[in-house]
Amino acid sequence: NYWLLCAEIGVVNQPKNFGASLPGVDRQCAVAYTDFWESYKTVIPRKRHRAVGKETGQTNPIERLNNTFRQRISRLVRESLSFSKKMENHVG
């Protein structure tokens, strides 16, 4: 077993684009474990998608990795929990 972190850049809301940046063998074999959010069904091919609940622990490692990124990458860290009405506060 190995972990594959896939980050898509560009338009990903269409099934034909999902995983286009992955090497061919990973596109053929990789399985995406997600929660039950409806939008995943339209983007991830059915053959490669497994919707699982949090109690299964299948999404735990990637959630932990995302948390590590949020802790260490300052652009992803919120400075406050409030929402600002000024657009310049939201532009990186």
Protein backbone atom coordinates (compact mmCIF):
# COMPACT_ATOMS: atom_id res chain seq x y z
CA ASN A 1 0.00 0.00 0.00
CA TYR A 2 1.11 3.53 -0.66
CA TRP A 3 -0.46 6.95 -0.37
CA LEU A 4 -1.07 9.10 -3.39
CA LEU A 5 -1.81 12.77 -2.87
CA CYS A 6 -3.53 14.27 -5.88
CA ALA A 7 -4.01 17.99 -6.29
CA GLU A 8 -5.95 19.16 -9.31
CA ILE A 9 -5.30 22.60 -10.75
CA GLY A 10 -7.87 24.05 -13.10
CA VAL A 11 -11.40 22.93 -13.92
CA VAL A 12 -12.18 19.73 -12.02
CA ASN A 13 -15.97 19.80 -11.94
CA GLN A 14 -16.23 17.61 -15.02
CA PRO A 15 -15.60 13.85 -14.91
CA LYS A 16 -13.37 13.89 -18.00
CA ASN A 17 -10.80 16.02 -16.15
CA PHE A 18 -10.63 14.07 -12.90
CA GLY A 19 -7.20 12.54 -12.37
CA ALA A 20 -5.82 13.81 -15.68
CA SER A 21 -2.59 14.82 -13.92
CA LEU A 22 -2.03 11.29 -12.54
CA PRO A 23 0.28 8.77 -14.22
CA GLY A 24 -1.61 6.21 -16.30
CA VAL A 25 -1.19 3.28 -13.91
CA ASP A 26 -2.58 5.36 -11.03
CA ARG A 27 -5.55 6.49 -13.13
CA GLN A 28 -6.34 2.82 -13.79
CA CYS A 29 -5.91 1.51 -10.24
CA ALA A 30 -6.42 4.35 -7.75
CA VAL A 31 -9.54 4.38 -5.57
CA ALA A 32 -10.82 7.58 -3.95
CA TYR A 33 -12.37 7.20 -0.49
CA THR A 34 -14.65 10.15 0.30
CA ASP A 35 -17.54 11.04 2.53
CA PHE A 36 -21.09 11.09 1.16
CA TRP A 37 -21.00 14.56 -0.39
CA GLU A 38 -23.16 14.42 -3.54
CA SER A 39 -20.76 16.41 -5.74
CA TYR A 40 -18.16 13.65 -5.62
CA LYS A 41 -20.50 11.40 -7.62
CA THR A 42 -20.43 13.79 -10.57
CA VAL A 43 -16.65 14.27 -10.58
CA ILE A 44 -15.10 10.96 -9.57
CA PRO A 45 -15.76 7.98 -11.87
CA ARG A 46 -18.04 5.43 -10.19
CA LYS A 47 -15.50 2.66 -10.73
CA ARG A 48 -12.87 4.57 -8.73
CA HIS A 49 -15.08 6.02 -5.98
CA ARG A 50 -15.90 4.57 -2.56
CA ALA A 51 -18.17 6.65 -0.32
CA VAL A 52 -17.47 5.68 3.28
CA GLY A 53 -18.47 7.01 6.67
CA LYS A 54 -16.00 8.54 9.09
CA GLU A 55 -16.49 5.62 11.48
CA THR A 56 -14.70 3.31 8.99
CA GLY A 57 -11.44 5.22 9.37
CA GLN A 58 -10.81 5.16 5.60
CA THR A 59 -10.71 8.98 5.34
CA ASN A 60 -8.75 9.50 8.57
CA PRO A 61 -5.19 9.51 7.12
CA ILE A 62 -5.97 12.13 4.46
CA GLU A 63 -7.87 14.25 7.00
CA ARG A 64 -4.78 14.08 9.22
CA LEU A 65 -2.56 15.11 6.28
CA ASN A 66 -4.86 18.05 5.46
CA ASN A 67 -4.72 19.13 9.10
CA THR A 68 -0.90 19.02 9.01
CA PHE A 69 -0.91 21.21 5.90
CA ARG A 70 -3.24 23.71 7.57
CA GLN A 71 -0.99 23.86 10.62
CA ARG A 72 2.23 24.35 8.65
CA ILE A 73 1.24 26.36 5.57
CA SER A 74 0.39 29.86 6.71
CA ARG A 75 -1.72 30.73 3.64
CA LEU A 76 -4.19 28.03 4.64
CA VAL A 77 -4.47 29.15 8.26
CA ARG A 78 -7.36 31.42 9.20
CA GLU A 79 -6.40 34.51 11.13
CA SER A 80 -9.88 34.75 12.60
CA LEU A 81 -13.20 32.96 12.47
CA SER A 82 -15.04 36.04 11.23
CA PHE A 83 -15.72 36.91 7.61
CA SER A 84 -14.49 40.24 6.28
CA LYS A 85 -16.51 42.26 3.77
CA LYS A 86 -13.34 43.76 2.27
CA MET A 87 -12.21 41.86 -0.83
CA GLU A 88 -8.52 42.68 -0.28
CA ASN A 89 -8.62 40.64 2.93
CA HIS A 90 -9.47 37.53 0.91
CA VAL A 91 -6.97 37.90 -1.92
CA GLY A 92 -3.69 36.08 -1.27
